[in-house]
Amino acid sequence: DLFGKRDYLVLDMTPKALELADTLVEKYLAVSPRRSVRTVALSGIFMQMISEFLDTKAQVEPKAEQIYRYICNNYNRTLTLEELSQKFHFHSTYINRLLTKQYGKSFKQLLIRVRLKQSASLLDDPSLSVSEIAEKLGFFDYKHFQQSFTKYYGITPAKYRNQKK
């Protein structure tokens, strides 16, 4: 369904191809039914190929990488383009375009992705409720967290947690 009717995949360095590679990695890492030994072996080879591709991708512009690192380090609080604009001394529109060009995602999409990647590890901690996790991640609306998580992982946070048990 990711490849259409083709039985092959060609990846290049365009943002669209990098986004596809990211999607493939996410699909691979997402919660799924138990995999057979053959599937695990094939998926391991697949992950090595994707990893090689991602390691050789075009150099990220230092400004974009610096902004992205800031997002990764501050994802758990309210972040805005205006704050990034003041911190990095660029217009907010420029920052959004730079991030979209380099990572294939807008500021808001990147922020949500970073938060959701952190959510999986937090859901392993049974002492935290799902709503507490949402708040720790910077989602101050539980419903928004649940919808974003479900869209990203294809399963609700509660079901994800229960499958991990």
C-alpha atoms as a PDB file:
ATOM      1  CA  ASP A   1       0.000   0.000   0.000  1.00  0.00           C
ATOM      2  CA  LEU A   2       3.031   2.289   0.446  1.00  0.00           C
ATOM      3  CA  PHE A   3       4.500   1.315  -2.941  1.00  0.00           C
ATOM      4  CA  GLY A   4       1.394   1.346  -5.113  1.00  0.00           C
ATOM      5  CA  LYS A   5       1.417  -1.385  -7.745  1.00  0.00           C
ATOM      6  CA  ARG A   6       5.216  -1.490  -8.091  1.00  0.00           C
ATOM      7  CA  ASP A   7       7.150  -4.463  -6.760  1.00  0.00           C
ATOM      8  CA  TYR A   8      10.311  -2.425  -6.225  1.00  0.00           C
ATOM      9  CA  LEU A   9      11.344   0.715  -4.372  1.00  0.00           C
ATOM     10  CA  VAL A  10      13.711   3.430  -5.525  1.00  0.00           C
ATOM     11  CA  LEU A  11      14.889   5.864  -2.861  1.00  0.00           C
ATOM     12  CA  ASP A  12      16.742   9.058  -3.649  1.00  0.00           C
ATOM     13  CA  MET A  13      17.612  12.127  -1.598  1.00  0.00           C
ATOM     14  CA  THR A  14      14.444  14.138  -2.207  1.00  0.00           C
ATOM     15  CA  PRO A  15      12.367  15.204   0.813  1.00  0.00           C
ATOM     16  CA  LYS A  16       9.521  13.005  -0.438  1.00  0.00           C
ATOM     17  CA  ALA A  17      11.802   9.924  -0.555  1.00  0.00           C
ATOM     18  CA  LEU A  18      13.211  10.718   2.888  1.00  0.00           C
ATOM     19  CA  GLU A  19       9.668  11.017   4.207  1.00  0.00           C
ATOM     20  CA  LEU A  20       8.846   7.626   2.652  1.00  0.00           C
ATOM     21  CA  ALA A  21      11.913   6.100   4.320  1.00  0.00           C
ATOM     22  CA  ASP A  22      10.793   7.584   7.649  1.00  0.00           C
ATOM     23  CA  THR A  23       7.304   6.174   7.109  1.00  0.00           C
ATOM     24  CA  LEU A  24       8.735   2.743   6.348  1.00  0.00           C
ATOM     25  CA  VAL A  25      10.797   2.805   9.530  1.00  0.00           C
ATOM     26  CA  GLU A  26       7.755   3.915  11.549  1.00  0.00           C
ATOM     27  CA  LYS A  27       5.601   1.149  10.049  1.00  0.00           C
ATOM     28  CA  TYR A  28       8.317  -1.355  10.868  1.00  0.00           C
ATOM     29  CA  LEU A  29       8.617  -0.189  14.465  1.00  0.00           C
ATOM     30  CA  ALA A  30       4.877   0.181  15.030  1.00  0.00           C
ATOM     31  CA  VAL A  31       3.002  -2.269  17.168  1.00  0.00           C
ATOM     32  CA  SER A  32       1.984  -5.298  15.102  1.00  0.00           C
ATOM     33  CA  PRO A  33       0.913  -8.891  15.648  1.00  0.00           C
ATOM     34  CA  ARG A  34       3.684 -11.335  16.507  1.00  0.00           C
ATOM     35  CA  ARG A  35       6.065 -11.749  13.629  1.00  0.00           C
ATOM     36  CA  SER A  36       7.296 -15.076  12.319  1.00  0.00           C
ATOM     37  CA  VAL A  37      11.025 -15.890  12.360  1.00  0.00           C
ATOM     38  CA  ARG A  38      11.140 -15.451   8.566  1.00  0.00           C
ATOM     39  CA  THR A  39       9.445 -12.047   8.806  1.00  0.00           C
ATOM     40  CA  VAL A  40      11.864 -10.907  11.499  1.00  0.00           C
ATOM     41  CA  ALA A  41      14.861 -11.975   9.386  1.00  0.00           C
ATOM     42  CA  LEU A  42      13.502 -10.223   6.284  1.00  0.00           C
ATOM     43  CA  SER A  43      12.538  -7.122   8.232  1.00  0.00           C
ATOM     44  CA  GLY A  44      16.029  -7.037   9.778  1.00  0.00           C
ATOM     45  CA  ILE A  45      17.541  -6.965   6.290  1.00  0.00           C
ATOM     46  CA  PHE A  46      15.018  -4.295   5.311  1.00  0.00           C
ATOM     47  CA  MET A  47      15.941  -2.166   8.336  1.00  0.00           C
ATOM     48  CA  GLN A  48      19.635  -2.442   7.482  1.00  0.00           C
ATOM     49  CA  MET A  49      18.888  -1.219   3.942  1.00  0.00           C
ATOM     50  CA  ILE A  50      16.791   1.709   5.189  1.00  0.00           C
ATOM     51  CA  SER A  51      19.408   2.525   7.814  1.00  0.00           C
ATOM     52  CA  GLU A  52      22.130   2.644   5.145  1.00  0.00           C
ATOM     53  CA  PHE A  53      19.929   4.900   3.032  1.00  0.00           C
ATOM     54  CA  LEU A  54      19.193   7.260   5.911  1.00  0.00           C
ATOM     55  CA  ASP A  55      22.875   7.401   6.910  1.00  0.00           C
ATOM     56  CA  THR A  56      23.869   8.485   3.406  1.00  0.00           C
ATOM     57  CA  LYS A  57      21.160  11.109   2.947  1.00  0.00           C
ATOM     58  CA  ALA A  58      22.076  14.645   2.009  1.00  0.00           C
ATOM     59  CA  GLN A  59      23.716  16.805   4.656  1.00  0.00           C
ATOM     60  CA  VAL A  60      21.222  18.694   6.786  1.00  0.00           C
ATOM     61  CA  GLU A  61      21.734  22.430   6.910  1.00  0.00           C
ATOM     62  CA  PRO A  62      23.283  23.343  10.307  1.00  0.00           C
ATOM     63  CA  LYS A  63      20.579  25.936  11.059  1.00  0.00           C
ATOM     64  CA  ALA A  64      17.835  23.365  10.517  1.00  0.00           C
ATOM     65  CA  GLU A  65      19.649  20.790  12.629  1.00  0.00           C
ATOM     66  CA  GLN A  66      20.132  23.298  15.456  1.00  0.00           C
ATOM     67  CA  ILE A  67      16.431  24.204  15.424  1.00  0.00           C
ATOM     68  CA  TYR A  68      15.436  20.532  15.287  1.00  0.00           C
ATOM     69  CA  ARG A  69      17.712  19.736  18.253  1.00  0.00           C
ATOM     70  CA  TYR A  70      16.078  22.570  20.185  1.00  0.00           C
ATOM     71  CA  ILE A  71      12.648  21.081  19.431  1.00  0.00           C
ATOM     72  CA  CYS A  72      13.865  17.638  20.586  1.00  0.00           C
ATOM     73  CA  ASN A  73      15.176  19.093  23.855  1.00  0.00           C
ATOM     74  CA  ASN A  74      12.086  21.211  24.581  1.00  0.00           C
ATOM     75  CA  TYR A  75       9.215  19.108  23.191  1.00  0.00           C
ATOM     76  CA  ASN A  76       7.586  18.755  26.615  1.00  0.00           C
ATOM     77  CA  ARG A  77       6.584  22.396  26.912  1.00  0.00           C
ATOM     78  CA  THR A  78       4.583  24.763  24.767  1.00  0.00           C
ATOM     79  CA  LEU A  79       6.725  25.616  21.765  1.00  0.00           C
ATOM     80  CA  THR A  80       5.769  28.088  19.077  1.00  0.00           C
ATOM     81  CA  LEU A  81       7.278  29.290  15.849  1.00  0.00           C
ATOM     82  CA  GLU A  82       7.393  32.755  17.378  1.00  0.00           C
ATOM     83  CA  GLU A  83       9.592  31.476  20.212  1.00  0.00           C
ATOM     84  CA  LEU A  84      11.908  29.785  17.707  1.00  0.00           C
ATOM     85  CA  SER A  85      11.943  32.977  15.669  1.00  0.00           C
ATOM     86  CA  GLN A  86      13.124  35.009  18.662  1.00  0.00           C
ATOM     87  CA  LYS A  87      15.634  32.389  19.795  1.00  0.00           C
ATOM     88  CA  PHE A  88      17.240  31.804  16.383  1.00  0.00           C
ATOM     89  CA  HIS A  89      16.717  35.303  14.918  1.00  0.00           C
ATOM     90  CA  PHE A  90      14.869  34.156  11.808  1.00  0.00           C
ATOM     91  CA  HIS A  91      11.368  34.916  10.623  1.00  0.00           C
ATOM     92  CA  SER A  92       8.880  32.217  11.657  1.00  0.00           C
ATOM     93  CA  THR A  93       7.908  31.594   8.027  1.00  0.00           C
ATOM     94  CA  TYR A  94      11.564  31.016   7.132  1.00  0.00           C
ATOM     95  CA  ILE A  95      11.970  28.542  10.003  1.00  0.00           C
ATOM     96  CA  ASN A  96       8.896  26.609   8.952  1.00  0.00           C
ATOM     97  CA  ARG A  97      10.054  26.475   5.314  1.00  0.00           C
ATOM     98  CA  LEU A  98      13.581  25.454   6.353  1.00  0.00           C
ATOM     99  CA  LEU A  99      12.288  22.593   8.510  1.00  0.00           C
ATOM    100  CA  THR A 100       9.894  21.464   5.785  1.00  0.00           C
ATOM    101  CA  LYS A 101      12.678  21.527   3.193  1.00  0.00           C
ATOM    102  CA  GLN A 102      15.167  19.643   5.373  1.00  0.00           C
ATOM    103  CA  TYR A 103      12.872  17.166   7.135  1.00  0.00           C
ATOM    104  CA  GLY A 104       9.800  17.001   4.918  1.00  0.00           C
ATOM    105  CA  LYS A 105       7.603  18.115   7.827  1.00  0.00           C
ATOM    106  CA  SER A 106       6.454  21.480   9.135  1.00  0.00           C
ATOM    107  CA  PHE A 107       7.385  22.716  12.606  1.00  0.00           C
ATOM    108  CA  LYS A 108       4.083  21.533  14.060  1.00  0.00           C
ATOM    109  CA  GLN A 109       4.367  18.101  12.415  1.00  0.00           C
ATOM    110  CA  LEU A 110       7.949  17.681  13.671  1.00  0.00           C
ATOM    111  CA  LEU A 111       6.985  18.709  17.197  1.00  0.00           C
ATOM    112  CA  ILE A 112       4.127  16.203  17.294  1.00  0.00           C
ATOM    113  CA  ARG A 113       6.358  13.460  15.837  1.00  0.00           C
ATOM    114  CA  VAL A 114       9.048  14.070  18.489  1.00  0.00           C
ATOM    115  CA  ARG A 115       6.425  13.976  21.242  1.00  0.00           C
ATOM    116  CA  LEU A 116       4.873  10.780  19.919  1.00  0.00           C
ATOM    117  CA  LYS A 117       8.215   9.013  19.633  1.00  0.00           C
ATOM    118  CA  GLN A 118       8.772   9.769  23.330  1.00  0.00           C
ATOM    119  CA  SER A 119       5.286   8.555  24.216  1.00  0.00           C
ATOM    120  CA  ALA A 120       6.057   4.919  23.405  1.00  0.00           C
ATOM    121  CA  SER A 121       8.742   4.669  26.083  1.00  0.00           C
ATOM    122  CA  LEU A 122       6.636   6.544  28.646  1.00  0.00           C
ATOM    123  CA  LEU A 123       3.743   4.131  28.094  1.00  0.00           C
ATOM    124  CA  ASP A 124       6.009   1.340  29.355  1.00  0.00           C
ATOM    125  CA  ASP A 125       5.888   2.954  32.817  1.00  0.00           C
ATOM    126  CA  PRO A 126       2.707   1.673  34.504  1.00  0.00           C
ATOM    127  CA  SER A 127       2.986   4.256  37.303  1.00  0.00           C
ATOM    128  CA  LEU A 128       1.980   7.007  34.859  1.00  0.00           C
ATOM    129  CA  SER A 129      -1.576   7.341  33.589  1.00  0.00           C
ATOM    130  CA  VAL A 130      -2.067   8.006  29.898  1.00  0.00           C
ATOM    131  CA  SER A 131      -3.294  11.525  30.656  1.00  0.00           C
ATOM    132  CA  GLU A 132      -0.179  12.193  32.782  1.00  0.00           C
ATOM    133  CA  ILE A 133       1.968  11.008  29.892  1.00  0.00           C
ATOM    134  CA  ALA A 134       0.130  13.305  27.508  1.00  0.00           C
ATOM    135  CA  GLU A 135       0.804  16.247  29.815  1.00  0.00           C
ATOM    136  CA  LYS A 136       4.485  15.314  30.259  1.00  0.00           C
ATOM    137  CA  LEU A 137       4.851  15.304  26.487  1.00  0.00           C
ATOM    138  CA  GLY A 138       3.405  18.789  26.110  1.00  0.00           C
ATOM    139  CA  PHE A 139      -0.057  17.700  24.943  1.00  0.00           C
ATOM    140  CA  PHE A 140      -2.290  19.715  27.198  1.00  0.00           C
ATOM    141  CA  ASP A 141      -5.396  18.280  25.572  1.00  0.00           C
ATOM    142  CA  TYR A 142      -5.679  14.536  26.189  1.00  0.00           C
ATOM    143  CA  LYS A 143      -8.033  14.056  23.245  1.00  0.00           C
ATOM    144  CA  HIS A 144      -5.491  15.631  20.875  1.00  0.00           C
ATOM    145  CA  PHE A 145      -2.796  13.300  22.225  1.00  0.00           C
ATOM    146  CA  GLN A 146      -5.007  10.258  21.778  1.00  0.00           C
ATOM    147  CA  GLN A 147      -5.967  11.232  18.212  1.00  0.00           C
ATOM    148  CA  SER A 148      -2.354  12.009  17.251  1.00  0.00           C
ATOM    149  CA  PHE A 149      -1.067   8.787  18.814  1.00  0.00           C
ATOM    150  CA  THR A 150      -3.735   6.711  17.077  1.00  0.00           C
ATOM    151  CA  LYS A 151      -2.965   8.330  13.733  1.00  0.00           C
ATOM    152  CA  TYR A 152       0.797   7.810  14.174  1.00  0.00           C
ATOM    153  CA  TYR A 153       0.799   4.263  15.580  1.00  0.00           C
ATOM    154  CA  GLY A 154      -2.560   2.986  14.291  1.00  0.00           C
ATOM    155  CA  ILE A 155      -3.692   2.088  17.809  1.00  0.00           C
ATOM    156  CA  THR A 156      -4.847   3.999  20.899  1.00  0.00           C
ATOM    157  CA  PRO A 157      -2.330   4.678  23.687  1.00  0.00           C
ATOM    158  CA  ALA A 158      -4.249   2.421  26.090  1.00  0.00           C
ATOM    159  CA  LYS A 159      -4.279  -0.489  23.629  1.00  0.00           C
ATOM    160  CA  TYR A 160      -0.597   0.089  22.890  1.00  0.00           C
ATOM    161  CA  ARG A 161       0.154  -0.116  26.611  1.00  0.00           C
ATOM    162  CA  ASN A 162      -1.945  -3.270  27.030  1.00  0.00           C
ATOM    163  CA  GLN A 163      -0.225  -4.992  24.107  1.00  0.00           C
ATOM    164  CA  LYS A 164       3.151  -4.337  25.709  1.00  0.00           C
ATOM    165  CA  LYS A 165       2.148  -6.286  28.843  1.00  0.00           C
END
